[in-house]
N, C-alpha and C. Protein backbone atom coordinates (compact mmCIF):
# COMPACT_ATOMS: atom_id res chain seq x y z
N GLN A 1 0.80 -1.15 -0.14
CA GLN A 1 -0.13 0.07 0.22
C GLN A 1 0.97 1.32 0.30
N VAL A 2 0.48 2.08 -0.94
CA VAL A 2 1.42 3.15 -1.11
C VAL A 2 0.77 4.21 -0.06
N GLN A 3 1.95 4.77 0.78
CA GLN A 3 1.58 5.89 1.80
C GLN A 3 2.82 6.62 1.61
N LEU A 4 2.33 8.08 2.08
CA LEU A 4 3.38 9.11 2.72
C LEU A 4 2.71 9.74 3.85
N VAL A 5 3.64 9.62 4.98
CA VAL A 5 3.25 10.15 6.09
C VAL A 5 4.46 11.58 6.39
N GLU A 6 3.42 12.37 6.96
CA GLU A 6 4.13 13.71 7.29
C GLU A 6 4.53 13.54 8.85
N SER A 7 5.25 14.18 9.33
CA SER A 7 5.54 14.25 10.87
C SER A 7 6.51 15.71 11.20
N GLY A 8 6.77 16.08 12.23
CA GLY A 8 7.53 17.21 12.72
C GLY A 8 6.94 18.43 13.02
N GLY A 9 5.51 18.42 12.52
CA GLY A 9 5.03 19.78 12.68
C GLY A 9 4.80 20.27 14.24
N GLY A 10 4.54 21.45 14.36
CA GLY A 10 4.14 21.71 15.92
C GLY A 10 3.96 23.26 16.33
N LEU A 11 4.08 23.46 17.14
CA LEU A 11 4.08 25.06 17.63
C LEU A 11 5.38 25.41 17.88
N VAL A 12 5.74 26.39 17.06
CA VAL A 12 7.48 27.00 17.66
C VAL A 12 7.29 28.61 17.46
N ARG A 13 8.33 28.83 18.32
CA ARG A 13 8.15 30.51 18.36
C ARG A 13 8.93 31.06 16.94
N PRO A 14 8.53 32.21 16.68
CA PRO A 14 9.32 33.14 15.47
C PRO A 14 10.92 33.20 15.96
N GLY A 15 11.34 32.67 14.90
CA GLY A 15 12.81 32.60 14.57
C GLY A 15 13.55 31.26 15.13
N GLY A 16 12.50 29.81 15.38
CA GLY A 16 12.41 28.62 15.98
C GLY A 16 12.80 27.87 14.60
N HIS A 17 13.35 26.58 14.54
CA HIS A 17 13.92 25.77 13.62
C HIS A 17 12.88 24.22 13.84
N LEU A 18 12.50 24.04 12.53
CA LEU A 18 11.68 22.44 12.51
C LEU A 18 12.13 21.70 11.57
N ARG A 19 12.18 20.37 11.75
CA ARG A 19 12.71 19.64 10.58
C ARG A 19 11.13 18.77 10.16
N LEU A 20 10.68 18.89 9.37
CA LEU A 20 9.39 18.02 8.64
C LEU A 20 10.23 16.63 8.24
N SER A 21 9.60 15.82 8.26
CA SER A 21 9.94 14.44 7.48
C SER A 21 8.54 13.83 6.78
N CYS A 22 8.76 13.12 5.66
CA CYS A 22 7.65 12.57 4.89
C CYS A 22 8.44 11.18 4.69
N ALA A 23 7.74 10.21 5.41
CA ALA A 23 8.12 9.05 5.21
C ALA A 23 7.37 8.13 4.26
N ALA A 24 7.53 7.60 3.05
CA ALA A 24 7.26 6.96 2.06
C ALA A 24 7.29 5.67 2.40
N SER A 25 6.29 4.49 1.97
CA SER A 25 6.21 3.27 1.91
C SER A 25 5.08 2.92 0.72
N GLY A 26 5.30 1.62 0.32
CA GLY A 26 4.62 1.17 -0.81
C GLY A 26 5.72 1.24 -1.90
N PHE A 27 6.50 2.31 -2.24
CA PHE A 27 7.04 2.50 -3.12
C PHE A 27 8.54 3.21 -2.74
N VAL A 28 9.77 3.20 -3.76
CA VAL A 28 10.70 3.40 -3.25
C VAL A 28 10.65 5.07 -3.70
N ALA A 29 11.13 5.82 -2.85
CA ALA A 29 10.85 7.40 -2.88
C ALA A 29 12.15 7.76 -3.96
N SER A 30 13.03 7.47 -3.85
CA SER A 30 14.33 7.82 -4.56
C SER A 30 14.16 7.75 -6.44
N GLY A 31 13.34 7.24 -6.82
CA GLY A 31 12.76 7.07 -7.96
C GLY A 31 11.98 8.28 -8.46
N TYR A 32 11.50 8.87 -7.46
CA TYR A 32 10.33 9.97 -7.62
C TYR A 32 10.80 11.21 -7.56
N THR A 33 10.22 12.09 -8.02
CA THR A 33 10.14 13.63 -7.79
C THR A 33 9.45 14.00 -6.44
N MET A 34 10.18 14.03 -5.06
CA MET A 34 9.58 14.51 -3.96
C MET A 34 9.25 15.79 -3.82
N ASN A 35 8.05 16.39 -3.24
CA ASN A 35 7.68 17.81 -3.27
C ASN A 35 7.20 17.91 -1.72
N TRP A 36 7.58 19.26 -1.25
CA TRP A 36 6.78 19.70 -0.14
C TRP A 36 5.87 20.96 -0.66
N HIS A 37 4.63 20.79 0.26
CA HIS A 37 3.67 21.85 -0.32
C HIS A 37 3.11 22.40 0.96
N ARG A 38 2.71 23.56 0.87
CA ARG A 38 2.18 24.18 1.91
C ARG A 38 0.98 25.15 1.54
N GLN A 39 -0.39 24.84 2.64
CA GLN A 39 -1.32 25.69 2.52
C GLN A 39 -1.90 26.53 3.44
N ILE A 40 -1.75 27.71 2.92
CA ILE A 40 -2.27 28.49 4.41
C ILE A 40 -3.80 29.12 4.55
N LEU A 41 -4.37 28.35 5.37
CA LEU A 41 -5.64 28.46 5.63
C LEU A 41 -6.55 28.50 4.70
N GLU A 42 -7.03 29.64 3.81
CA GLU A 42 -8.00 29.32 2.58
C GLU A 42 -7.12 29.71 1.38
N LYS A 43 -6.43 29.83 1.27
CA LYS A 43 -5.26 30.23 0.10
C LYS A 43 -4.79 28.88 -0.51
N GLU A 44 -4.69 28.97 -1.97
CA GLU A 44 -4.40 27.82 -2.66
C GLU A 44 -3.07 27.54 -2.20
N ARG A 45 -2.85 26.06 -2.03
CA ARG A 45 -1.59 25.05 -1.81
C ARG A 45 -0.70 25.71 -2.60
N GLU A 46 0.63 25.48 -1.97
CA GLU A 46 1.75 26.44 -2.59
C GLU A 46 2.89 25.13 -2.61
N LEU A 47 3.41 25.10 -3.95
CA LEU A 47 4.61 23.99 -4.13
C LEU A 47 5.84 24.82 -3.39
N ILE A 48 6.43 24.57 -2.50
CA ILE A 48 7.65 25.36 -2.08
C ILE A 48 8.96 24.60 -2.18
N ALA A 49 9.18 23.67 -2.35
CA ALA A 49 10.33 22.73 -2.40
C ALA A 49 10.20 21.26 -3.29
N ARG A 50 11.24 21.09 -4.20
CA ARG A 50 11.37 20.02 -4.88
C ARG A 50 12.47 19.02 -4.70
N ILE A 51 12.71 17.96 -4.70
CA ILE A 51 13.85 17.32 -5.06
C ILE A 51 13.69 16.20 -6.12
N PHE A 52 14.91 15.85 -6.63
CA PHE A 52 14.63 15.12 -7.95
C PHE A 52 14.96 14.03 -7.88
N PRO A 53 14.85 12.97 -8.77
CA PRO A 53 15.87 11.34 -8.28
C PRO A 53 17.07 11.66 -8.47
N PHE A 54 17.71 12.53 -9.19
CA PHE A 54 19.33 12.25 -9.12
C PHE A 54 19.89 13.43 -8.25
N GLY A 55 18.88 13.94 -7.68
CA GLY A 55 19.25 14.42 -5.99
C GLY A 55 19.62 16.24 -6.19
N GLY A 56 19.16 16.73 -7.58
CA GLY A 56 18.93 18.24 -7.66
C GLY A 56 17.56 18.60 -6.87
N THR A 57 18.03 20.03 -6.42
CA THR A 57 16.73 20.34 -5.35
C THR A 57 16.30 21.69 -6.05
N VAL A 58 15.06 22.15 -5.81
CA VAL A 58 14.58 23.63 -6.18
C VAL A 58 13.83 24.04 -4.80
N VAL A 59 14.26 25.22 -4.71
CA VAL A 59 13.09 25.91 -3.48
C VAL A 59 12.62 27.22 -3.92
N TYR A 60 11.05 27.26 -3.88
CA TYR A 60 10.82 28.04 -5.09
C TYR A 60 10.23 29.21 -4.68
N PRO A 61 9.78 29.61 -3.33
CA PRO A 61 9.32 30.94 -2.96
C PRO A 61 10.36 31.90 -2.52
N ASP A 62 10.50 32.84 -2.79
CA ASP A 62 11.61 33.68 -2.53
C ASP A 62 11.55 33.86 -1.05
N SER A 63 10.25 33.97 -0.51
CA SER A 63 10.27 34.02 1.01
C SER A 63 11.09 33.20 1.85
N VAL A 64 11.19 31.98 1.23
CA VAL A 64 11.64 30.98 1.98
C VAL A 64 13.21 30.26 1.29
N LYS A 65 13.41 30.62 0.33
CA LYS A 65 14.82 30.12 -0.34
C LYS A 65 15.98 30.20 0.44
N ASP A 66 16.09 31.22 1.59
CA ASP A 66 17.44 31.19 2.31
C ASP A 66 17.04 30.72 3.55
N ARG A 67 16.07 30.30 3.90
CA ARG A 67 15.92 29.66 5.02
C ARG A 67 15.10 27.96 5.06
N PHE A 68 14.72 27.71 3.81
CA PHE A 68 14.21 26.22 3.80
C PHE A 68 15.44 25.36 3.23
N LEU A 69 15.56 24.24 3.24
CA LEU A 69 16.09 23.47 3.06
C LEU A 69 15.64 21.84 3.01
N ILE A 70 15.27 21.07 1.49
CA ILE A 70 14.85 19.96 1.20
C ILE A 70 16.02 18.79 0.86
N SER A 71 15.69 17.72 1.52
CA SER A 71 16.88 16.77 1.29
C SER A 71 16.37 15.44 1.81
N ARG A 72 17.07 14.19 1.15
CA ARG A 72 16.29 12.88 1.42
C ARG A 72 17.12 12.11 1.74
N ASP A 73 16.75 10.57 2.21
CA ASP A 73 17.46 9.95 3.04
C ASP A 73 16.89 8.50 2.19
N ASN A 74 17.72 8.36 1.24
CA ASN A 74 17.20 6.89 0.53
C ASN A 74 17.09 5.50 1.39
N ALA A 75 17.88 5.58 2.12
CA ALA A 75 18.12 4.34 3.30
C ALA A 75 16.80 4.06 3.74
N LYS A 76 16.31 5.50 4.30
CA LYS A 76 14.81 5.58 5.25
C LYS A 76 13.66 5.81 4.21
N ASN A 77 13.94 5.97 2.88
CA ASN A 77 13.08 6.21 2.40
C ASN A 77 12.08 7.68 2.67
N THR A 78 12.89 8.46 3.18
CA THR A 78 12.14 9.70 3.86
C THR A 78 12.87 10.94 3.11
N VAL A 79 12.05 11.79 2.97
CA VAL A 79 12.40 13.27 2.67
C VAL A 79 12.09 14.14 3.49
N TYR A 80 13.09 15.26 3.72
CA TYR A 80 13.02 16.01 4.97
C TYR A 80 12.59 17.35 4.03
N LEU A 81 12.58 18.45 5.45
CA LEU A 81 12.32 19.80 4.83
C LEU A 81 12.64 20.65 6.26
N GLU A 82 13.89 21.05 6.50
CA GLU A 82 14.56 21.85 7.19
C GLU A 82 13.94 23.19 7.14
N MET A 83 13.66 23.89 8.28
CA MET A 83 12.74 25.00 8.13
C MET A 83 13.59 25.92 9.21
N SER A 84 14.20 26.86 8.98
CA SER A 84 14.83 27.82 10.04
C SER A 84 14.41 29.38 10.03
N SER A 85 14.64 30.13 11.07
CA SER A 85 14.06 31.41 11.03
C SER A 85 12.66 31.59 10.56
N LEU A 86 11.98 30.70 11.48
CA LEU A 86 10.39 30.85 10.99
C LEU A 86 9.79 31.93 11.17
N GLN A 87 8.86 32.03 10.60
CA GLN A 87 7.92 33.22 10.82
C GLN A 87 6.69 33.06 11.28
N SER A 88 5.69 34.10 11.38
CA SER A 88 4.36 33.71 11.60
C SER A 88 3.74 33.44 10.21
N GLU A 89 4.26 34.27 9.21
CA GLU A 89 3.95 33.87 7.85
C GLU A 89 4.09 32.46 6.85
N ASP A 90 4.99 31.89 7.89
CA ASP A 90 5.19 30.14 7.71
C ASP A 90 3.95 29.16 8.29
N THR A 91 3.16 29.79 8.85
CA THR A 91 2.16 28.68 9.74
C THR A 91 1.27 28.43 8.62
N ALA A 92 1.18 27.10 8.64
CA ALA A 92 0.26 26.36 7.49
C ALA A 92 0.42 24.90 7.80
N MET A 93 -0.63 24.31 6.82
CA MET A 93 -0.32 22.77 6.47
C MET A 93 0.48 22.43 5.67
N TYR A 94 1.68 21.78 6.08
CA TYR A 94 2.74 21.28 5.16
C TYR A 94 2.46 20.07 4.88
N SER A 95 2.34 19.61 3.40
CA SER A 95 2.34 18.20 3.06
C SER A 95 3.06 17.79 1.75
N CYS A 96 3.50 16.52 1.74
CA CYS A 96 4.09 16.17 0.85
C CYS A 96 3.63 15.06 -0.38
N SER A 97 4.36 15.13 -1.37
CA SER A 97 3.71 14.35 -2.48
C SER A 97 4.93 13.79 -3.28
N ALA A 98 4.59 12.46 -4.03
CA ALA A 98 5.56 12.06 -5.14
C ALA A 98 4.81 11.99 -6.31
N GLU A 99 5.91 12.28 -7.44
CA GLU A 99 5.15 12.34 -8.61
C GLU A 99 6.65 11.44 -9.49
N ARG A 100 6.12 10.88 -10.51
CA ARG A 100 7.19 10.63 -11.90
C ARG A 100 6.32 10.45 -13.15
N ALA A 101 7.11 10.63 -14.23
CA ALA A 101 6.36 10.60 -15.55
C ALA A 101 5.93 9.27 -15.58
N GLY A 102 4.24 9.55 -16.13
CA GLY A 102 3.25 8.53 -16.64
C GLY A 102 2.30 8.22 -15.57
N MET A 103 2.39 8.88 -14.26
CA MET A 103 1.63 8.76 -13.29
C MET A 103 0.41 9.79 -13.52
N LEU A 104 -0.66 9.39 -13.52
CA LEU A 104 -2.16 9.89 -13.58
C LEU A 104 -2.33 11.16 -12.45
N ASP A 105 -2.02 10.69 -11.11
CA ASP A 105 -2.10 11.74 -10.02
C ASP A 105 -0.89 11.35 -8.98
N PRO A 106 -0.32 12.38 -8.40
CA PRO A 106 0.79 12.24 -7.49
C PRO A 106 -0.02 11.44 -6.42
N TYR A 107 1.06 10.83 -5.61
CA TYR A 107 0.71 10.44 -4.37
C TYR A 107 0.79 11.48 -3.16
N TRP A 108 -0.21 11.51 -2.16
CA TRP A 108 -0.29 12.62 -1.59
C TRP A 108 -0.23 12.21 0.00
N GLY A 109 0.63 12.80 0.95
CA GLY A 109 0.34 12.91 2.22
C GLY A 109 -0.51 13.45 3.06
N ARG A 110 -1.08 13.17 4.13
CA ARG A 110 -2.23 13.99 4.30
C ARG A 110 -1.70 15.41 5.38
N GLY A 111 -0.42 15.48 5.47
CA GLY A 111 -0.28 17.04 6.07
C GLY A 111 0.11 16.96 7.45
N THR A 112 0.91 18.24 7.85
CA THR A 112 1.17 18.24 9.42
C THR A 112 1.12 19.64 9.66
N GLN A 113 0.88 20.00 10.78
CA GLN A 113 0.57 21.54 10.48
C GLN A 113 1.68 22.39 11.24
N VAL A 114 2.25 23.61 10.84
CA VAL A 114 3.08 24.07 11.49
C VAL A 114 2.63 25.41 11.79
N THR A 115 2.59 25.79 13.21
CA THR A 115 2.24 27.22 13.56
C THR A 115 3.42 27.73 14.58
N VAL A 116 3.53 28.95 13.83
CA VAL A 116 4.74 29.65 14.21
C VAL A 116 4.24 31.05 14.96
N SER A 117 4.21 30.92 16.60
CA SER A 117 3.66 32.06 17.14
C SER A 117 4.38 32.01 18.55
N SER A 118 4.09 33.10 18.95
CA SER A 118 5.08 33.41 20.38
C SER A 118 4.01 33.26 21.67
């Protein structure tokens, strides 16, 4: 059974740090492009970081480029999102997805909530 399970979210103070994990099962994540997204309240879900099968990475929004880092541990079949200098604007539901050519729809996790507040 294909599954993506996010963890590591929670309540953190402004300026704090979190590491989110996306654990994959039922498929080999190293062969997929793995993505982190976030959705802030009623806004559209936003793609924030991507890591490719060959290891290249992209972080998209200018607001997080210098603060967020995506990585993967193929031995653990897990992808991470390191978030530093967190701000209240980073409060969102963070979710991961997996995709590769030929798939009709990506695999999705249910997400983990990150709340940045003093």
